[in-house]
Amino acid sequence: MTDQRIEVTCHKDGTFTIEAFDFQGTNCDQATKDFERVLGAKGLTKIRKPEFLAVDLLSNQQINRVNGG
């Protein structure tokens, strides 16, 4: 089992960073959405880690195999 965690860092300039570890795909968005809402993260810039894209790429490959691609 992975050690999933979320780190929230408050910076001196009043901004913050929310970073999710060991989540894959859209599970990251689901895990951080309440933090984003509570902290008022309107206009949020999201930086996707390789783990986010890995699941989507795998899913596309599986779909292509099923469809004969």
PDB file of N, CA and C in Angstrom:
ATOM      1  N   MET A   1       0.846  -1.186   0.000  1.00  0.00           N
ATOM      2  CA  MET A   1       0.000   0.000   0.000  1.00  0.00           C
ATOM      3  C   MET A   1       0.887   1.244   0.000  1.00  0.00           C
ATOM      4  N   THR A   2       0.472   2.250  -0.737  1.00  0.00           N
ATOM      5  CA  THR A   2       1.254   3.475  -0.831  1.00  0.00           C
ATOM      6  C   THR A   2       0.976   4.385   0.355  1.00  0.00           C
ATOM      7  N   ASP A   3       1.886   5.293   0.582  1.00  0.00           N
ATOM      8  CA  ASP A   3       1.760   6.253   1.674  1.00  0.00           C
ATOM      9  C   ASP A   3       1.220   7.554   1.096  1.00  0.00           C
ATOM     10  N   GLN A   4      -0.079   7.613   0.881  1.00  0.00           N
ATOM     11  CA  GLN A   4      -0.688   8.814   0.306  1.00  0.00           C
ATOM     12  C   GLN A   4      -0.740   9.908   1.355  1.00  0.00           C
ATOM     13  N   ARG A   5      -0.371  11.115   0.922  1.00  0.00           N
ATOM     14  CA  ARG A   5      -0.437  12.248   1.845  1.00  0.00           C
ATOM     15  C   ARG A   5      -0.615  13.542   1.053  1.00  0.00           C
ATOM     16  N   ILE A   6      -1.093  14.547   1.757  1.00  0.00           N
ATOM     17  CA  ILE A   6      -1.264  15.872   1.175  1.00  0.00           C
ATOM     18  C   ILE A   6      -0.548  16.860   2.071  1.00  0.00           C
ATOM     19  N   GLU A   7       0.296  17.682   1.468  1.00  0.00           N
ATOM     20  CA  GLU A   7       1.012  18.719   2.208  1.00  0.00           C
ATOM     21  C   GLU A   7       0.497  20.081   1.775  1.00  0.00           C
ATOM     22  N   VAL A   8       0.144  20.899   2.756  1.00  0.00           N
ATOM     23  CA  VAL A   8      -0.269  22.278   2.495  1.00  0.00           C
ATOM     24  C   VAL A   8       0.799  23.180   3.092  1.00  0.00           C
ATOM     25  N   THR A   9       1.400  24.024   2.243  1.00  0.00           N
ATOM     26  CA  THR A   9       2.448  24.935   2.687  1.00  0.00           C
ATOM     27  C   THR A   9       1.948  26.373   2.541  1.00  0.00           C
ATOM     28  N   CYS A  10       1.981  27.119   3.641  1.00  0.00           N
ATOM     29  CA  CYS A  10       1.619  28.536   3.612  1.00  0.00           C
ATOM     30  C   CYS A  10       2.908  29.347   3.517  1.00  0.00           C
ATOM     31  N   HIS A  11       3.006  30.173   2.497  1.00  0.00           N
ATOM     32  CA  HIS A  11       4.209  30.962   2.256  1.00  0.00           C
ATOM     33  C   HIS A  11       4.089  32.342   2.911  1.00  0.00           C
ATOM     34  N   LYS A  12       5.211  32.984   3.133  1.00  0.00           N
ATOM     35  CA  LYS A  12       5.236  34.292   3.795  1.00  0.00           C
ATOM     36  C   LYS A  12       4.458  35.358   3.035  1.00  0.00           C
ATOM     37  N   ASP A  13       4.359  35.205   1.710  1.00  0.00           N
ATOM     38  CA  ASP A  13       3.652  36.208   0.911  1.00  0.00           C
ATOM     39  C   ASP A  13       2.132  35.995   0.885  1.00  0.00           C
ATOM     40  N   GLY A  14       1.649  35.024   1.664  1.00  0.00           N
ATOM     41  CA  GLY A  14       0.208  34.779   1.749  1.00  0.00           C
ATOM     42  C   GLY A  14      -0.302  33.747   0.768  1.00  0.00           C
ATOM     43  N   THR A  15       0.535  33.274  -0.103  1.00  0.00           N
ATOM     44  CA  THR A  15       0.125  32.228  -1.034  1.00  0.00           C
ATOM     45  C   THR A  15       0.343  30.867  -0.375  1.00  0.00           C
ATOM     46  N   PHE A  16      -0.186  29.860  -1.004  1.00  0.00           N
ATOM     47  CA  PHE A  16      -0.022  28.518  -0.467  1.00  0.00           C
ATOM     48  C   PHE A  16       0.166  27.519  -1.596  1.00  0.00           C
ATOM     49  N   THR A  17       0.686  26.367  -1.214  1.00  0.00           N
ATOM     50  CA  THR A  17       0.887  25.273  -2.146  1.00  0.00           C
ATOM     51  C   THR A  17       0.235  24.031  -1.564  1.00  0.00           C
ATOM     52  N   ILE A  18      -0.522  23.329  -2.377  1.00  0.00           N
ATOM     53  CA  ILE A  18      -1.103  22.054  -1.986  1.00  0.00           C
ATOM     54  C   ILE A  18      -0.438  20.999  -2.854  1.00  0.00           C
ATOM     55  N   GLU A  19       0.209  20.038  -2.226  1.00  0.00           N
ATOM     56  CA  GLU A  19       0.898  19.007  -2.992  1.00  0.00           C
ATOM     57  C   GLU A  19       0.437  17.632  -2.526  1.00  0.00           C
ATOM     58  N   ALA A  20       0.015  16.816  -3.481  1.00  0.00           N
ATOM     59  CA  ALA A  20      -0.437  15.462  -3.186  1.00  0.00           C
ATOM     60  C   ALA A  20       0.656  14.471  -3.573  1.00  0.00           C
ATOM     61  N   PHE A  21       0.866  13.482  -2.729  1.00  0.00           N
ATOM     62  CA  PHE A  21       1.885  12.467  -2.962  1.00  0.00           C
ATOM     63  C   PHE A  21       1.241  11.091  -3.049  1.00  0.00           C
ATOM     64  N   ASP A  22       1.696  10.317  -4.017  1.00  0.00           N
ATOM     65  CA  ASP A  22       1.285   8.925  -4.214  1.00  0.00           C
ATOM     66  C   ASP A  22      -0.188   8.771  -4.600  1.00  0.00           C
ATOM     67  N   PHE A  23      -0.735   9.773  -5.263  1.00  0.00           N
ATOM     68  CA  PHE A  23      -2.053   9.656  -5.867  1.00  0.00           C
ATOM     69  C   PHE A  23      -1.848   9.505  -7.368  1.00  0.00           C
ATOM     70  N   GLN A  24      -2.758   8.828  -8.038  1.00  0.00           N
ATOM     71  CA  GLN A  24      -2.642   8.673  -9.478  1.00  0.00           C
ATOM     72  C   GLN A  24      -3.905   9.179 -10.158  1.00  0.00           C
ATOM     73  N   GLY A  25      -3.703   9.776 -11.308  1.00  0.00           N
ATOM     74  CA  GLY A  25      -4.829  10.248 -12.112  1.00  0.00           C
ATOM     75  C   GLY A  25      -5.679  11.265 -11.381  1.00  0.00           C
ATOM     76  N   THR A  26      -6.972  11.210 -11.645  1.00  0.00           N
ATOM     77  CA  THR A  26      -7.889  12.193 -11.071  1.00  0.00           C
ATOM     78  C   THR A  26      -8.110  12.006  -9.572  1.00  0.00           C
ATOM     79  N   ASN A  27      -7.580  10.930  -8.981  1.00  0.00           N
ATOM     80  CA  ASN A  27      -7.670  10.759  -7.528  1.00  0.00           C
ATOM     81  C   ASN A  27      -7.002  11.932  -6.806  1.00  0.00           C
ATOM     82  N   CYS A  28      -5.997  12.512  -7.427  1.00  0.00           N
ATOM     83  CA  CYS A  28      -5.315  13.677  -6.858  1.00  0.00           C
ATOM     84  C   CYS A  28      -6.287  14.850  -6.745  1.00  0.00           C
ATOM     85  N   ASP A  29      -7.033  15.105  -7.813  1.00  0.00           N
ATOM     86  CA  ASP A  29      -8.008  16.202  -7.794  1.00  0.00           C
ATOM     87  C   ASP A  29      -9.062  15.980  -6.721  1.00  0.00           C
ATOM     88  N   GLN A  30      -9.534  14.752  -6.607  1.00  0.00           N
ATOM     89  CA  GLN A  30     -10.543  14.430  -5.594  1.00  0.00           C
ATOM     90  C   GLN A  30      -9.987  14.628  -4.182  1.00  0.00           C
ATOM     91  N   ALA A  31      -8.742  14.239  -3.977  1.00  0.00           N
ATOM     92  CA  ALA A  31      -8.129  14.327  -2.646  1.00  0.00           C
ATOM     93  C   ALA A  31      -7.873  15.761  -2.215  1.00  0.00           C
ATOM     94  N   THR A  32      -7.599  16.652  -3.164  1.00  0.00           N
ATOM     95  CA  THR A  32      -7.234  18.033  -2.804  1.00  0.00           C
ATOM     96  C   THR A  32      -8.388  19.027  -2.926  1.00  0.00           C
ATOM     97  N   LYS A  33      -9.508  18.614  -3.494  1.00  0.00           N
ATOM     98  CA  LYS A  33     -10.577  19.581  -3.785  1.00  0.00           C
ATOM     99  C   LYS A  33     -11.115  20.285  -2.542  1.00  0.00           C
ATOM    100  N   ASP A  34     -11.232  19.597  -1.406  1.00  0.00           N
ATOM    101  CA  ASP A  34     -11.736  20.248  -0.197  1.00  0.00           C
ATOM    102  C   ASP A  34     -10.736  21.271   0.339  1.00  0.00           C
ATOM    103  N   PHE A  35      -9.444  20.960   0.238  1.00  0.00           N
ATOM    104  CA  PHE A  35      -8.412  21.919   0.646  1.00  0.00           C
ATOM    105  C   PHE A  35      -8.491  23.168  -0.234  1.00  0.00           C
ATOM    106  N   GLU A  36      -8.644  22.964  -1.530  1.00  0.00           N
ATOM    107  CA  GLU A  36      -8.731  24.081  -2.473  1.00  0.00           C
ATOM    108  C   GLU A  36      -9.943  24.954  -2.162  1.00  0.00           C
ATOM    109  N   ARG A  37     -11.060  24.320  -1.870  1.00  0.00           N
ATOM    110  CA  ARG A  37     -12.290  25.061  -1.573  1.00  0.00           C
ATOM    111  C   ARG A  37     -12.143  25.858  -0.286  1.00  0.00           C
ATOM    112  N   VAL A  38     -11.649  25.232   0.766  1.00  0.00           N
ATOM    113  CA  VAL A  38     -11.514  25.888   2.069  1.00  0.00           C
ATOM    114  C   VAL A  38     -10.518  27.045   2.016  1.00  0.00           C
ATOM    115  N   LEU A  39      -9.441  26.852   1.255  1.00  0.00           N
ATOM    116  CA  LEU A  39      -8.409  27.886   1.171  1.00  0.00           C
ATOM    117  C   LEU A  39      -8.726  28.953   0.132  1.00  0.00           C
ATOM    118  N   GLY A  40      -9.838  28.811  -0.571  1.00  0.00           N
ATOM    119  CA  GLY A  40     -10.233  29.815  -1.548  1.00  0.00           C
ATOM    120  C   GLY A  40      -9.323  29.844  -2.756  1.00  0.00           C
ATOM    121  N   ALA A  41      -9.106  28.708  -3.337  1.00  0.00           N
ATOM    122  CA  ALA A  41      -8.142  28.582  -4.435  1.00  0.00           C
ATOM    123  C   ALA A  41      -8.753  28.925  -5.789  1.00  0.00           C
ATOM    124  N   LYS A  42      -9.390  30.070  -5.895  1.00  0.00           N
ATOM    125  CA  LYS A  42      -9.912  30.517  -7.188  1.00  0.00           C
ATOM    126  C   LYS A  42      -8.749  30.976  -8.049  1.00  0.00           C
ATOM    127  N   GLY A  43      -8.792  30.638  -9.319  1.00  0.00           N
ATOM    128  CA  GLY A  43      -7.699  30.997 -10.205  1.00  0.00           C
ATOM    129  C   GLY A  43      -6.459  30.156  -9.952  1.00  0.00           C
ATOM    130  N   LEU A  44      -6.673  29.000  -9.390  1.00  0.00           N
ATOM    131  CA  LEU A  44      -5.592  28.096  -9.027  1.00  0.00           C
ATOM    132  C   LEU A  44      -4.826  27.628 -10.259  1.00  0.00           C
ATOM    133  N   THR A  45      -3.522  27.594 -10.140  1.00  0.00           N
ATOM    134  CA  THR A  45      -2.679  27.019 -11.179  1.00  0.00           C
ATOM    135  C   THR A  45      -2.266  25.628 -10.718  1.00  0.00           C
ATOM    136  N   LYS A  46      -2.620  24.627 -11.497  1.00  0.00           N
ATOM    137  CA  LYS A  46      -2.274  23.254 -11.139  1.00  0.00           C
ATOM    138  C   LYS A  46      -1.103  22.788 -11.978  1.00  0.00           C
ATOM    139  N   ILE A  47      -0.180  22.159 -11.305  1.00  0.00           N
ATOM    140  CA  ILE A  47       0.962  21.559 -11.984  1.00  0.00           C
ATOM    141  C   ILE A  47       0.801  20.055 -11.853  1.00  0.00           C
ATOM    142  N   ARG A  48       0.657  19.405 -12.980  1.00  0.00           N
ATOM    143  CA  ARG A  48       0.442  17.953 -12.983  1.00  0.00           C
ATOM    144  C   ARG A  48       1.772  17.221 -12.894  1.00  0.00           C
ATOM    145  N   LYS A  49       1.824  16.255 -12.004  1.00  0.00           N
ATOM    146  CA  LYS A  49       3.006  15.418 -11.863  1.00  0.00           C
ATOM    147  C   LYS A  49       2.895  14.244 -12.837  1.00  0.00           C
ATOM    148  N   PRO A  50       3.990  13.552 -13.070  1.00  0.00           N
ATOM    149  CA  PRO A  50       3.942  12.395 -13.975  1.00  0.00           C
ATOM    150  C   PRO A  50       2.931  11.331 -13.542  1.00  0.00           C
ATOM    151  N   GLU A  51       2.699  11.185 -12.238  1.00  0.00           N
ATOM    152  CA  GLU A  51       1.753  10.197 -11.744  1.00  0.00           C
ATOM    153  C   GLU A  51       0.331  10.469 -12.240  1.00  0.00           C
ATOM    154  N   PHE A  52       0.004  11.745 -12.389  1.00  0.00           N
ATOM    155  CA  PHE A  52      -1.332  12.107 -12.873  1.00  0.00           C
ATOM    156  C   PHE A  52      -1.524  11.616 -14.298  1.00  0.00           C
ATOM    157  N   LEU A  53      -0.520  11.820 -15.117  1.00  0.00           N
ATOM    158  CA  LEU A  53      -0.620  11.460 -16.526  1.00  0.00           C
ATOM    159  C   LEU A  53      -0.452   9.967 -16.761  1.00  0.00           C
ATOM    160  N   ALA A  54       0.243   9.259 -15.891  1.00  0.00           N
ATOM    161  CA  ALA A  54       0.523   7.843 -16.086  1.00  0.00           C
ATOM    162  C   ALA A  54      -0.759   7.031 -16.201  1.00  0.00           C
ATOM    163  N   VAL A  55      -1.734   7.300 -15.373  1.00  0.00           N
ATOM    164  CA  VAL A  55      -2.980   6.545 -15.405  1.00  0.00           C
ATOM    165  C   VAL A  55      -3.738   6.837 -16.686  1.00  0.00           C
ATOM    166  N   ASP A  56      -3.789   8.093 -17.117  1.00  0.00           N
ATOM    167  CA  ASP A  56      -4.487   8.444 -18.340  1.00  0.00           C
ATOM    168  C   ASP A  56      -3.839   7.779 -19.551  1.00  0.00           C
ATOM    169  N   LEU A  57      -2.523   7.741 -19.597  1.00  0.00           N
ATOM    170  CA  LEU A  57      -1.833   7.095 -20.710  1.00  0.00           C
ATOM    171  C   LEU A  57      -2.116   5.605 -20.717  1.00  0.00           C
ATOM    172  N   LEU A  58      -2.101   4.976 -19.547  1.00  0.00           N
ATOM    173  CA  LEU A  58      -2.382   3.555 -19.455  1.00  0.00           C
ATOM    174  C   LEU A  58      -3.814   3.271 -19.899  1.00  0.00           C
ATOM    175  N   SER A  59      -4.753   4.093 -19.466  1.00  0.00           N
ATOM    176  CA  SER A  59      -6.152   3.906 -19.859  1.00  0.00           C
ATOM    177  C   SER A  59      -6.312   4.016 -21.365  1.00  0.00           C
ATOM    178  N   ASN A  60      -5.654   4.992 -21.983  1.00  0.00           N
ATOM    179  CA  ASN A  60      -5.741   5.150 -23.438  1.00  0.00           C
ATOM    180  C   ASN A  60      -5.159   3.947 -24.160  1.00  0.00           C
ATOM    181  N   GLN A  61      -4.075   3.386 -23.652  1.00  0.00           N
ATOM    182  CA  GLN A  61      -3.480   2.213 -24.266  1.00  0.00           C
ATOM    183  C   GLN A  61      -4.426   1.026 -24.162  1.00  0.00           C
ATOM    184  N   GLN A  62      -5.087   0.866 -23.023  1.00  0.00           N
ATOM    185  CA  GLN A  62      -6.020  -0.239 -22.852  1.00  0.00           C
ATOM    186  C   GLN A  62      -7.225  -0.068 -23.771  1.00  0.00           C
ATOM    187  N   ILE A  63      -7.712   1.143 -23.929  1.00  0.00           N
ATOM    188  CA  ILE A  63      -8.838   1.409 -24.822  1.00  0.00           C
ATOM    189  C   ILE A  63      -8.463   1.087 -26.253  1.00  0.00           C
ATOM    190  N   ASN A  64      -7.250   1.474 -26.651  1.00  0.00           N
ATOM    191  CA  ASN A  64      -6.801   1.196 -28.019  1.00  0.00           C
ATOM    192  C   ASN A  64      -6.718  -0.300 -28.272  1.00  0.00           C
ATOM    193  N   ARG A  65      -6.265  -1.075 -27.295  1.00  0.00           N
ATOM    194  CA  ARG A  65      -6.180  -2.528 -27.463  1.00  0.00           C
ATOM    195  C   ARG A  65      -7.572  -3.129 -27.627  1.00  0.00           C
ATOM    196  N   VAL A  66      -8.520  -2.670 -26.808  1.00  0.00           N
ATOM    197  CA  VAL A  66      -9.884  -3.186 -26.896  1.00  0.00           C
ATOM    198  C   VAL A  66     -10.517  -2.838 -28.237  1.00  0.00           C
ATOM    199  N   ASN A  67     -10.216  -1.641 -28.732  1.00  0.00           N
ATOM    200  CA  ASN A  67     -10.786  -1.206 -29.998  1.00  0.00           C
ATOM    201  C   ASN A  67      -9.974  -1.655 -31.210  1.00  0.00           C
ATOM    202  N   GLY A  68      -8.934  -2.440 -30.967  1.00  0.00           N
ATOM    203  CA  GLY A  68      -8.126  -2.939 -32.072  1.00  0.00           C
ATOM    204  C   GLY A  68      -7.093  -1.958 -32.580  1.00  0.00           C
ATOM    205  N   GLY A  69      -6.781  -0.940 -31.779  1.00  0.00           N
ATOM    206  CA  GLY A  69      -5.824   0.099 -32.195  1.00  0.00           C
ATOM    207  C   GLY A  69      -4.424  -0.174 -31.809  1.00  0.00           C
TER     208      GLY A  69
END
